[in-house]
């Protein structure tokens, strides 16, 4: 009788459309990095960007930009010159292949060449405030296909500002709050093939998507609620899109990586709190390479883990 009951329950589970768990260490390919301040080591890495040749650019709490190949081999590094007030927390590449740096506590976006030369004339911001072109704590900066920049910030005024390719202020949207279109710490910004703006609205535990191609931003979709179950979120700090209809979200609060459809249906979770390979401890960021593998910045474990999902 027990065996029949067990078989029946198993059949119900299979037919119930349950979200699969991408259990650790399944899918884990490599783990690299350790705590330290010398080349190839990390002190709480906070952001990552990946270039067209799958080289990873990673910033940590020492305010160094370290460059690695996709297998974790150290290539080069340089130091952000000003970091007494705080360290950068966002990285991305522009159309020219230059590195955009969200210089969080200096209220600006910096631009560096891939070999570490600072392009001062392309800096946007640098003045703390709430007016156009002024910033609180800058979280991320990205460029769309037309060359426009989108820069997120949190603090007293959570918003995203749009700038022309020449750095001219165009418009802004958001504001502190939990209503649709508002933000509480817009931690990361991604852009899809249609130039829609995807925002990891971290402290609202949700993802918001906007069409900002005109003279204002229009909310297209929004999904996510706070929780620990598959499909729920806890402090989403970063997201990437793979071009095949999938969104990968790193959750600082749930210590995990979660894979979604574009409409927020969970396709699986990976990770979990811990220090063993395949586990995560307060992850901040992720990047997707040309082979579709996810590189997770496992911040409080001072390392990077590469996962094939």
C-alpha atoms as a PDB file:
ATOM      1  CA  UNK A   1       0.000   0.000   0.000  1.00  0.00           C
ATOM      2  CA  UNK A   2       2.823   2.404   0.908  1.00  0.00           C
ATOM      3  CA  UNK A   3       4.567   1.759  -2.419  1.00  0.00           C
ATOM      4  CA  UNK A   4       1.360   2.550  -4.324  1.00  0.00           C
ATOM      5  CA  UNK A   5       0.915   5.778  -2.337  1.00  0.00           C
ATOM      6  CA  UNK A   6       4.513   6.778  -3.004  1.00  0.00           C
ATOM      7  CA  UNK A   7       4.083   6.096  -6.723  1.00  0.00           C
ATOM      8  CA  UNK A   8       0.873   8.137  -6.798  1.00  0.00           C
ATOM      9  CA  UNK A   9       2.499  11.107  -5.034  1.00  0.00           C
ATOM     10  CA  UNK A  10       5.455  10.967  -7.385  1.00  0.00           C
ATOM     11  CA  UNK A  11       3.119  11.026 -10.373  1.00  0.00           C
ATOM     12  CA  UNK A  12       1.321  14.071  -8.982  1.00  0.00           C
ATOM     13  CA  UNK A  13       4.671  15.854  -8.591  1.00  0.00           C
ATOM     14  CA  UNK A  14       5.666  15.089 -12.167  1.00  0.00           C
ATOM     15  CA  UNK A  15       2.352  16.297 -13.540  1.00  0.00           C
ATOM     16  CA  UNK A  16       2.296  19.397 -11.391  1.00  0.00           C
ATOM     17  CA  UNK A  17       4.732  21.394 -13.477  1.00  0.00           C
ATOM     18  CA  UNK A  18       7.095  21.885 -10.546  1.00  0.00           C
ATOM     19  CA  UNK A  19      10.027  24.221 -11.141  1.00  0.00           C
ATOM     20  CA  UNK A  20      13.245  22.208 -11.371  1.00  0.00           C
ATOM     21  CA  UNK A  21      16.054  22.957  -8.991  1.00  0.00           C
ATOM     22  CA  UNK A  22      19.422  23.209 -10.721  1.00  0.00           C
ATOM     23  CA  UNK A  23      21.044  21.657  -7.698  1.00  0.00           C
ATOM     24  CA  UNK A  24      24.623  22.509  -6.830  1.00  0.00           C
ATOM     25  CA  UNK A  25      27.160  21.384  -7.797  1.00  0.00           C
ATOM     26  CA  UNK A  26      25.375  20.206 -10.964  1.00  0.00           C
ATOM     27  CA  UNK A  27      26.368  22.441 -13.860  1.00  0.00           C
ATOM     28  CA  UNK A  28      29.408  23.766 -12.008  1.00  0.00           C
ATOM     29  CA  UNK A  29      32.434  23.858 -14.305  1.00  0.00           C
ATOM     30  CA  UNK A  30      35.121  25.714 -12.392  1.00  0.00           C
ATOM     31  CA  UNK A  31      35.797  27.756  -9.271  1.00  0.00           C
ATOM     32  CA  UNK A  32      38.658  30.225  -9.028  1.00  0.00           C
ATOM     33  CA  UNK A  33      39.890  33.016  -6.797  1.00  0.00           C
ATOM     34  CA  UNK A  34      40.664  33.424  -3.120  1.00  0.00           C
ATOM     35  CA  UNK A  35      40.810  36.229  -0.599  1.00  0.00           C
ATOM     36  CA  UNK A  36      43.735  38.594  -0.953  1.00  0.00           C
ATOM     37  CA  UNK A  37      44.985  41.824  -2.488  1.00  0.00           C
ATOM     38  CA  UNK A  38      47.609  40.474  -4.886  1.00  0.00           C
ATOM     39  CA  UNK A  39      46.976  39.779  -8.566  1.00  0.00           C
ATOM     40  CA  UNK A  40      44.339  37.122  -9.142  1.00  0.00           C
ATOM     41  CA  UNK A  41      42.911  37.404  -5.625  1.00  0.00           C
ATOM     42  CA  UNK A  42      39.835  39.263  -4.419  1.00  0.00           C
ATOM     43  CA  UNK A  43      38.517  41.299  -1.549  1.00  0.00           C
ATOM     44  CA  UNK A  44      34.741  40.990  -1.917  1.00  0.00           C
ATOM     45  CA  UNK A  45      34.373  41.368  -5.694  1.00  0.00           C
ATOM     46  CA  UNK A  46      31.335  43.498  -6.544  1.00  0.00           C
ATOM     47  CA  UNK A  47      30.850  43.730 -10.307  1.00  0.00           C
ATOM     48  CA  UNK A  48      31.842  42.046 -13.557  1.00  0.00           C
ATOM     49  CA  UNK A  49      31.701  42.803 -17.277  1.00  0.00           C
ATOM     50  CA  UNK A  50      32.699  40.526 -20.134  1.00  0.00           C
ATOM     51  CA  UNK A  51      34.110  41.669 -23.472  1.00  0.00           C
ATOM     52  CA  UNK A  52      33.717  40.262 -26.977  1.00  0.00           C
ATOM     53  CA  UNK A  53      36.665  37.906 -26.417  1.00  0.00           C
ATOM     54  CA  UNK A  54      35.232  36.502 -23.168  1.00  0.00           C
ATOM     55  CA  UNK A  55      37.692  38.375 -20.980  1.00  0.00           C
ATOM     56  CA  UNK A  56      36.259  39.138 -17.544  1.00  0.00           C
ATOM     57  CA  UNK A  57      36.744  42.547 -15.922  1.00  0.00           C
ATOM     58  CA  UNK A  58      36.113  42.422 -12.181  1.00  0.00           C
ATOM     59  CA  UNK A  59      36.199  45.158  -9.541  1.00  0.00           C
ATOM     60  CA  UNK A  60      36.481  44.427  -5.827  1.00  0.00           C
ATOM     61  CA  UNK A  61      36.684  46.355  -2.556  1.00  0.00           C
ATOM     62  CA  UNK A  62      40.284  47.338  -3.272  1.00  0.00           C
ATOM     63  CA  UNK A  63      38.965  49.362  -6.256  1.00  0.00           C
ATOM     64  CA  UNK A  64      41.155  47.384  -8.635  1.00  0.00           C
ATOM     65  CA  UNK A  65      39.947  46.366 -12.059  1.00  0.00           C
ATOM     66  CA  UNK A  66      41.363  42.894 -12.680  1.00  0.00           C
ATOM     67  CA  UNK A  67      41.159  41.217 -16.080  1.00  0.00           C
ATOM     68  CA  UNK A  68      40.973  37.426 -16.529  1.00  0.00           C
ATOM     69  CA  UNK A  69      40.357  35.016 -19.342  1.00  0.00           C
ATOM     70  CA  UNK A  70      37.176  32.948 -19.093  1.00  0.00           C
ATOM     71  CA  UNK A  71      39.032  30.146 -17.273  1.00  0.00           C
ATOM     72  CA  UNK A  72      40.264  32.469 -14.526  1.00  0.00           C
ATOM     73  CA  UNK A  73      43.824  33.116 -15.709  1.00  0.00           C
ATOM     74  CA  UNK A  74      44.949  36.571 -14.555  1.00  0.00           C
ATOM     75  CA  UNK A  75      45.881  38.899 -17.428  1.00  0.00           C
ATOM     76  CA  UNK A  76      46.321  42.432 -16.068  1.00  0.00           C
ATOM     77  CA  UNK A  77      45.008  44.973 -13.558  1.00  0.00           C
ATOM     78  CA  UNK A  78      44.785  48.661 -12.814  1.00  0.00           C
ATOM     79  CA  UNK A  79      43.743  50.800  -9.871  1.00  0.00           C
ATOM     80  CA  UNK A  80      40.903  53.312  -9.794  1.00  0.00           C
ATOM     81  CA  UNK A  81      42.703  56.470  -8.581  1.00  0.00           C
ATOM     82  CA  UNK A  82      40.053  57.726  -6.157  1.00  0.00           C
ATOM     83  CA  UNK A  83      38.438  55.288  -3.757  1.00  0.00           C
ATOM     84  CA  UNK A  84      38.681  56.720  -0.232  1.00  0.00           C
ATOM     85  CA  UNK A  85      34.933  57.471  -0.157  1.00  0.00           C
ATOM     86  CA  UNK A  86      33.928  54.094  -1.616  1.00  0.00           C
ATOM     87  CA  UNK A  87      34.367  51.587  -4.409  1.00  0.00           C
ATOM     88  CA  UNK A  88      32.671  51.110  -7.785  1.00  0.00           C
ATOM     89  CA  UNK A  89      29.713  48.735  -7.951  1.00  0.00           C
ATOM     90  CA  UNK A  90      28.826  48.435 -11.641  1.00  0.00           C
ATOM     91  CA  UNK A  91      30.674  47.585 -14.875  1.00  0.00           C
ATOM     92  CA  UNK A  92      29.646  47.290 -18.523  1.00  0.00           C
ATOM     93  CA  UNK A  93      31.051  47.842 -22.003  1.00  0.00           C
ATOM     94  CA  UNK A  94      29.970  50.507 -24.468  1.00  0.00           C
ATOM     95  CA  UNK A  95      29.731  50.162 -28.249  1.00  0.00           C
ATOM     96  CA  UNK A  96      33.373  51.181 -28.699  1.00  0.00           C
ATOM     97  CA  UNK A  97      34.581  48.430 -26.379  1.00  0.00           C
ATOM     98  CA  UNK A  98      35.452  50.806 -23.551  1.00  0.00           C
ATOM     99  CA  UNK A  99      34.633  49.971 -19.941  1.00  0.00           C
ATOM    100  CA  UNK A 100      31.891  51.948 -18.182  1.00  0.00           C
ATOM    101  CA  UNK A 101      32.408  52.131 -14.425  1.00  0.00           C
ATOM    102  CA  UNK A 102      29.688  53.113 -11.966  1.00  0.00           C
ATOM    103  CA  UNK A 103      31.882  55.081  -9.565  1.00  0.00           C
ATOM    104  CA  UNK A 104      29.282  54.791  -6.851  1.00  0.00           C
ATOM    105  CA  UNK A 105      30.475  57.048  -4.050  1.00  0.00           C
ATOM    106  CA  UNK A 106      31.922  59.687  -6.368  1.00  0.00           C
ATOM    107  CA  UNK A 107      28.542  60.238  -8.048  1.00  0.00           C
ATOM    108  CA  UNK A 108      29.649  59.606 -11.620  1.00  0.00           C
ATOM    109  CA  UNK A 109      30.225  57.294 -14.551  1.00  0.00           C
ATOM    110  CA  UNK A 110      33.852  56.785 -15.572  1.00  0.00           C
ATOM    111  CA  UNK A 111      35.080  55.438 -18.905  1.00  0.00           C
ATOM    112  CA  UNK A 112      38.304  53.468 -19.382  1.00  0.00           C
ATOM    113  CA  UNK A 113      39.834  51.784 -22.373  1.00  0.00           C
ATOM    114  CA  UNK A 114      40.162  48.023 -22.085  1.00  0.00           C
ATOM    115  CA  UNK A 115      43.846  48.399 -21.212  1.00  0.00           C
ATOM    116  CA  UNK A 116      43.174  50.791 -18.332  1.00  0.00           C
ATOM    117  CA  UNK A 117      43.531  54.292 -19.796  1.00  0.00           C
ATOM    118  CA  UNK A 118      41.015  56.748 -18.331  1.00  0.00           C
ATOM    119  CA  UNK A 119      38.994  58.788 -20.847  1.00  0.00           C
ATOM    120  CA  UNK A 120      38.350  61.909 -18.775  1.00  0.00           C
ATOM    121  CA  UNK A 121      36.351  63.671 -21.491  1.00  0.00           C
ATOM    122  CA  UNK A 122      33.681  60.947 -21.357  1.00  0.00           C
ATOM    123  CA  UNK A 123      32.993  61.152 -17.615  1.00  0.00           C
ATOM    124  CA  UNK A 124      29.352  61.884 -16.794  1.00  0.00           C
ATOM    125  CA  UNK A 125      28.467  63.375 -13.421  1.00  0.00           C
ATOM    126  CA  UNK A 126      30.706  64.003 -10.462  1.00  0.00           C
ATOM    127  CA  UNK A 127      28.367  66.335  -8.565  1.00  0.00           C
ATOM    128  CA  UNK A 128      26.240  65.022  -5.719  1.00  0.00           C
ATOM    129  CA  UNK A 129      22.643  66.163  -5.871  1.00  0.00           C
ATOM    130  CA  UNK A 130      19.149  65.662  -7.242  1.00  0.00           C
ATOM    131  CA  UNK A 131      19.186  67.935 -10.278  1.00  0.00           C
ATOM    132  CA  UNK A 132      19.594  66.853 -13.904  1.00  0.00           C
ATOM    133  CA  UNK A 133      23.029  65.325 -14.385  1.00  0.00           C
ATOM    134  CA  UNK A 134      23.669  65.153 -10.649  1.00  0.00           C
ATOM    135  CA  UNK A 135      23.759  61.863  -8.772  1.00  0.00           C
ATOM    136  CA  UNK A 136      23.439  60.107  -5.468  1.00  0.00           C
ATOM    137  CA  UNK A 137      25.125  56.712  -5.261  1.00  0.00           C
ATOM    138  CA  UNK A 138      25.598  55.495  -8.833  1.00  0.00           C
ATOM    139  CA  UNK A 139      24.835  51.781  -9.224  1.00  0.00           C
ATOM    140  CA  UNK A 140      25.245  51.003 -12.916  1.00  0.00           C
ATOM    141  CA  UNK A 141      25.732  52.557 -16.348  1.00  0.00           C
ATOM    142  CA  UNK A 142      24.942  51.081 -19.770  1.00  0.00           C
ATOM    143  CA  UNK A 143      24.793  52.241 -23.393  1.00  0.00           C
ATOM    144  CA  UNK A 144      22.076  51.398 -25.939  1.00  0.00           C
ATOM    145  CA  UNK A 145      22.429  50.705 -29.664  1.00  0.00           C
ATOM    146  CA  UNK A 146      22.020  54.419 -30.472  1.00  0.00           C
ATOM    147  CA  UNK A 147      24.807  55.417 -28.109  1.00  0.00           C
ATOM    148  CA  UNK A 148      22.599  56.808 -25.341  1.00  0.00           C
ATOM    149  CA  UNK A 149      23.638  56.231 -21.736  1.00  0.00           C
ATOM    150  CA  UNK A 150      21.428  55.112 -18.855  1.00  0.00           C
ATOM    151  CA  UNK A 151      22.778  55.644 -15.353  1.00  0.00           C
ATOM    152  CA  UNK A 152      21.084  54.319 -12.223  1.00  0.00           C
ATOM    153  CA  UNK A 153      21.394  55.661  -8.700  1.00  0.00           C
ATOM    154  CA  UNK A 154      20.065  55.121  -5.210  1.00  0.00           C
ATOM    155  CA  UNK A 155      20.093  57.063  -1.964  1.00  0.00           C
ATOM    156  CA  UNK A 156      17.706  59.910  -1.348  1.00  0.00           C
ATOM    157  CA  UNK A 157      16.373  59.740  -4.897  1.00  0.00           C
ATOM    158  CA  UNK A 158      16.228  56.367  -6.646  1.00  0.00           C
ATOM    159  CA  UNK A 159      16.090  56.947 -10.385  1.00  0.00           C
ATOM    160  CA  UNK A 160      17.571  56.326 -13.827  1.00  0.00           C
ATOM    161  CA  UNK A 161      18.827  59.218 -15.947  1.00  0.00           C
ATOM    162  CA  UNK A 162      19.215  59.074 -19.724  1.00  0.00           C
ATOM    163  CA  UNK A 163      21.998  60.944 -21.532  1.00  0.00           C
ATOM    164  CA  UNK A 164      22.852  61.467 -25.192  1.00  0.00           C
ATOM    165  CA  UNK A 165      26.030  59.936 -26.683  1.00  0.00           C
ATOM    166  CA  UNK A 166      27.717  63.283 -25.940  1.00  0.00           C
ATOM    167  CA  UNK A 167      26.678  63.179 -22.294  1.00  0.00           C
ATOM    168  CA  UNK A 168      23.792  65.653 -22.552  1.00  0.00           C
ATOM    169  CA  UNK A 169      21.008  65.072 -20.031  1.00  0.00           C
ATOM    170  CA  UNK A 170      17.773  63.971 -21.737  1.00  0.00           C
ATOM    171  CA  UNK A 171      15.293  62.810 -19.097  1.00  0.00           C
ATOM    172  CA  UNK A 172      14.873  60.690 -15.985  1.00  0.00           C
ATOM    173  CA  UNK A 173      12.348  58.369 -14.400  1.00  0.00           C
ATOM    174  CA  UNK A 174      11.720  56.491 -11.195  1.00  0.00           C
ATOM    175  CA  UNK A 175      11.774  57.996  -7.742  1.00  0.00           C
ATOM    176  CA  UNK A 176      11.905  56.289  -4.381  1.00  0.00           C
ATOM    177  CA  UNK A 177       8.974  53.961  -3.776  1.00  0.00           C
ATOM    178  CA  UNK A 178       7.327  50.633  -4.471  1.00  0.00           C
ATOM    179  CA  UNK A 179       4.700  51.662  -7.005  1.00  0.00           C
ATOM    180  CA  UNK A 180       5.138  50.477 -10.607  1.00  0.00           C
ATOM    181  CA  UNK A 181       7.873  52.555 -12.212  1.00  0.00           C
ATOM    182  CA  UNK A 182       9.454  53.515  -8.895  1.00  0.00           C
ATOM    183  CA  UNK A 183      12.616  52.033  -7.413  1.00  0.00           C
ATOM    184  CA  UNK A 184      14.259  51.177  -4.143  1.00  0.00           C
ATOM    185  CA  UNK A 185      17.889  50.741  -5.135  1.00  0.00           C
ATOM    186  CA  UNK A 186      17.957  50.063  -8.890  1.00  0.00           C
ATOM    187  CA  UNK A 187      21.107  47.997  -8.557  1.00  0.00           C
ATOM    188  CA  UNK A 188      21.666  46.839 -12.128  1.00  0.00           C
ATOM    189  CA  UNK A 189      20.597  47.779 -15.654  1.00  0.00           C
ATOM    190  CA  UNK A 190      20.614  45.577 -18.745  1.00  0.00           C
ATOM    191  CA  UNK A 191      19.548  46.325 -22.322  1.00  0.00           C
ATOM    192  CA  UNK A 192      17.942  43.808 -24.670  1.00  0.00           C
ATOM    193  CA  UNK A 193      18.044  43.593 -28.473  1.00  0.00           C
ATOM    194  CA  UNK A 194      15.119  46.022 -28.748  1.00  0.00           C
ATOM    195  CA  UNK A 195      16.823  48.579 -26.477  1.00  0.00           C
ATOM    196  CA  UNK A 196      14.389  47.930 -23.644  1.00  0.00           C
ATOM    197  CA  UNK A 197      15.785  48.709 -20.214  1.00  0.00           C
ATOM    198  CA  UNK A 198      15.752  45.873 -17.681  1.00  0.00           C
ATOM    199  CA  UNK A 199      16.211  46.952 -14.075  1.00  0.00           C
ATOM    200  CA  UNK A 200      17.066  44.826 -11.049  1.00  0.00           C
ATOM    201  CA  UNK A 201      14.970  46.754  -8.520  1.00  0.00           C
ATOM    202  CA  UNK A 202      16.849  45.234  -5.612  1.00  0.00           C
ATOM    203  CA  UNK A 203      15.040  46.337  -2.468  1.00  0.00           C
ATOM    204  CA  UNK A 204      11.635  45.954  -4.099  1.00  0.00           C
ATOM    205  CA  UNK A 205      12.625  42.352  -4.934  1.00  0.00           C
ATOM    206  CA  UNK A 206      11.478  42.609  -8.535  1.00  0.00           C
ATOM    207  CA  UNK A 207      12.469  43.145 -12.153  1.00  0.00           C
ATOM    208  CA  UNK A 208      11.064  46.084 -14.130  1.00  0.00           C
ATOM    209  CA  UNK A 209      11.313  46.530 -17.903  1.00  0.00           C
ATOM    210  CA  UNK A 210      10.940  49.875 -19.698  1.00  0.00           C
ATOM    211  CA  UNK A 211      10.799  51.262 -23.209  1.00  0.00           C
ATOM    212  CA  UNK A 212      12.870  54.451 -22.982  1.00  0.00           C
ATOM    213  CA  UNK A 213      13.575  54.933 -26.687  1.00  0.00           C
ATOM    214  CA  UNK A 214      11.354  58.035 -26.906  1.00  0.00           C
ATOM    215  CA  UNK A 215      11.288  61.140 -24.737  1.00  0.00           C
ATOM    216  CA  UNK A 216      10.062  59.295 -21.650  1.00  0.00           C
ATOM    217  CA  UNK A 217      10.219  55.817 -20.140  1.00  0.00           C
ATOM    218  CA  UNK A 218       7.170  53.556 -20.413  1.00  0.00           C
ATOM    219  CA  UNK A 219       6.799  50.527 -18.153  1.00  0.00           C
ATOM    220  CA  UNK A 220       6.503  47.381 -20.292  1.00  0.00           C
ATOM    221  CA  UNK A 221       6.413  44.645 -17.678  1.00  0.00           C
ATOM    222  CA  UNK A 222       7.193  43.973 -14.050  1.00  0.00           C
ATOM    223  CA  UNK A 223       7.581  40.713 -12.163  1.00  0.00           C
ATOM    224  CA  UNK A 224       8.870  39.279  -8.912  1.00  0.00           C
ATOM    225  CA  UNK A 225       7.860  39.233  -5.256  1.00  0.00           C
ATOM    226  CA  UNK A 226       9.960  38.766  -2.152  1.00  0.00           C
ATOM    227  CA  UNK A 227      10.472  35.203  -1.021  1.00  0.00           C
ATOM    228  CA  UNK A 228      12.606  32.089  -1.078  1.00  0.00           C
ATOM    229  CA  UNK A 229      10.546  29.860  -3.361  1.00  0.00           C
ATOM    230  CA  UNK A 230      11.370  29.378  -7.065  1.00  0.00           C
ATOM    231  CA  UNK A 231      10.042  32.376  -8.964  1.00  0.00           C
ATOM    232  CA  UNK A 232      10.400  34.643  -5.951  1.00  0.00           C
ATOM    233  CA  UNK A 233      13.310  37.013  -5.353  1.00  0.00           C
ATOM    234  CA  UNK A 234      15.354  38.368  -2.473  1.00  0.00           C
ATOM    235  CA  UNK A 235      17.498  41.389  -3.306  1.00  0.00           C
ATOM    236  CA  UNK A 236      18.168  40.792  -6.996  1.00  0.00           C
ATOM    237  CA  UNK A 237      21.520  42.510  -7.540  1.00  0.00           C
ATOM    238  CA  UNK A 238      22.293  41.689 -11.157  1.00  0.00           C
ATOM    239  CA  UNK A 239      20.711  40.262 -14.300  1.00  0.00           C
ATOM    240  CA  UNK A 240      21.740  39.266 -17.814  1.00  0.00           C
ATOM    241  CA  UNK A 241      19.781  38.217 -20.910  1.00  0.00           C
ATOM    242  CA  UNK A 242      21.029  35.472 -23.199  1.00  0.00           C
ATOM    243  CA  UNK A 243      19.282  36.434 -26.445  1.00  0.00           C
ATOM    244  CA  UNK A 244      17.334  33.152 -26.451  1.00  0.00           C
ATOM    245  CA  UNK A 245      14.474  34.219 -24.238  1.00  0.00           C
ATOM    246  CA  UNK A 246      16.104  33.661 -20.852  1.00  0.00           C
ATOM    247  CA  UNK A 247      16.948  35.996 -17.988  1.00  0.00           C
ATOM    248  CA  UNK A 248      19.531  35.084 -15.362  1.00  0.00           C
ATOM    249  CA  UNK A 249      19.197  36.835 -12.002  1.00  0.00           C
ATOM    250  CA  UNK A 250      21.638  36.767  -9.111  1.00  0.00           C
ATOM    251  CA  UNK A 251      20.025  37.095  -5.678  1.00  0.00           C
ATOM    252  CA  UNK A 252      22.105  38.632  -2.913  1.00  0.00           C
ATOM    253  CA  UNK A 253      19.522  37.719  -0.273  1.00  0.00           C
ATOM    254  CA  UNK A 254      18.841  34.121  -1.332  1.00  0.00           C
ATOM    255  CA  UNK A 255      22.492  33.371  -2.194  1.00  0.00           C
ATOM    256  CA  UNK A 256      21.525  31.874  -5.524  1.00  0.00           C
ATOM    257  CA  UNK A 257      21.290  32.155  -9.295  1.00  0.00           C
ATOM    258  CA  UNK A 258      17.855  31.854 -10.864  1.00  0.00           C
ATOM    259  CA  UNK A 259      16.911  31.358 -14.521  1.00  0.00           C
ATOM    260  CA  UNK A 260      13.656  32.856 -15.853  1.00  0.00           C
ATOM    261  CA  UNK A 261      11.656  33.271 -19.012  1.00  0.00           C
ATOM    262  CA  UNK A 262      11.253  36.860 -20.199  1.00  0.00           C
ATOM    263  CA  UNK A 263       7.893  36.986 -18.397  1.00  0.00           C
ATOM    264  CA  UNK A 264       9.265  35.884 -15.045  1.00  0.00           C
ATOM    265  CA  UNK A 265       8.529  32.160 -15.030  1.00  0.00           C
ATOM    266  CA  UNK A 266      11.251  30.385 -13.082  1.00  0.00           C
ATOM    267  CA  UNK A 267      13.109  27.696 -15.005  1.00  0.00           C
ATOM    268  CA  UNK A 268      15.346  26.652 -12.135  1.00  0.00           C
ATOM    269  CA  UNK A 269      17.586  27.801  -9.302  1.00  0.00           C
ATOM    270  CA  UNK A 270      21.238  27.110  -8.547  1.00  0.00           C
ATOM    271  CA  UNK A 271      23.383  27.766  -5.512  1.00  0.00           C
ATOM    272  CA  UNK A 272      22.378  28.167  -1.893  1.00  0.00           C
ATOM    273  CA  UNK A 273      24.068  29.685   1.129  1.00  0.00           C
ATOM    274  CA  UNK A 274      27.488  28.257   1.923  1.00  0.00           C
ATOM    275  CA  UNK A 275      31.186  28.174   1.193  1.00  0.00           C
ATOM    276  CA  UNK A 276      31.535  24.869  -0.648  1.00  0.00           C
ATOM    277  CA  UNK A 277      31.906  24.740  -4.442  1.00  0.00           C
ATOM    278  CA  UNK A 278      28.446  25.205  -5.917  1.00  0.00           C
ATOM    279  CA  UNK A 279      27.296  27.291  -2.967  1.00  0.00           C
ATOM    280  CA  UNK A 280      27.181  31.088  -2.776  1.00  0.00           C
ATOM    281  CA  UNK A 281      27.562  33.700  -0.041  1.00  0.00           C
ATOM    282  CA  UNK A 282      26.075  37.122  -0.827  1.00  0.00           C
ATOM    283  CA  UNK A 283      26.733  37.088  -4.595  1.00  0.00           C
ATOM    284  CA  UNK A 284      26.735  40.506  -6.267  1.00  0.00           C
ATOM    285  CA  UNK A 285      27.063  40.001  -9.999  1.00  0.00           C
ATOM    286  CA  UNK A 286      27.155  37.698 -13.013  1.00  0.00           C
ATOM    287  CA  UNK A 287      28.222  37.650 -16.657  1.00  0.00           C
ATOM    288  CA  UNK A 288      27.344  35.437 -19.610  1.00  0.00           C
ATOM    289  CA  UNK A 289      30.080  34.312 -22.010  1.00  0.00           C
ATOM    290  CA  UNK A 290      29.871  33.487 -25.725  1.00  0.00           C
ATOM    291  CA  UNK A 291      29.283  29.805 -24.943  1.00  0.00           C
ATOM    292  CA  UNK A 292      26.268  30.548 -22.773  1.00  0.00           C
ATOM    293  CA  UNK A 293      27.997  29.868 -19.471  1.00  0.00           C
ATOM    294  CA  UNK A 294      27.309  32.006 -16.418  1.00  0.00           C
ATOM    295  CA  UNK A 295      30.181  33.474 -14.402  1.00  0.00           C
ATOM    296  CA  UNK A 296      28.967  34.254 -10.869  1.00  0.00           C
ATOM    297  CA  UNK A 297      30.774  36.788  -8.686  1.00  0.00           C
ATOM    298  CA  UNK A 298      30.560  34.999  -5.324  1.00  0.00           C
ATOM    299  CA  UNK A 299      31.362  38.100  -3.314  1.00  0.00           C
ATOM    300  CA  UNK A 300      31.722  37.056   0.304  1.00  0.00           C
ATOM    301  CA  UNK A 301      33.510  33.873  -0.750  1.00  0.00           C
ATOM    302  CA  UNK A 302      36.010  36.061  -2.679  1.00  0.00           C
ATOM    303  CA  UNK A 303      35.798  33.974  -5.836  1.00  0.00           C
ATOM    304  CA  UNK A 304      34.150  33.356  -9.202  1.00  0.00           C
ATOM    305  CA  UNK A 305      32.175  30.246 -10.137  1.00  0.00           C
ATOM    306  CA  UNK A 306      31.392  29.273 -13.729  1.00  0.00           C
ATOM    307  CA  UNK A 307      28.143  27.418 -14.326  1.00  0.00           C
ATOM    308  CA  UNK A 308      26.667  25.803 -17.430  1.00  0.00           C
ATOM    309  CA  UNK A 309      22.881  25.765 -17.106  1.00  0.00           C
END
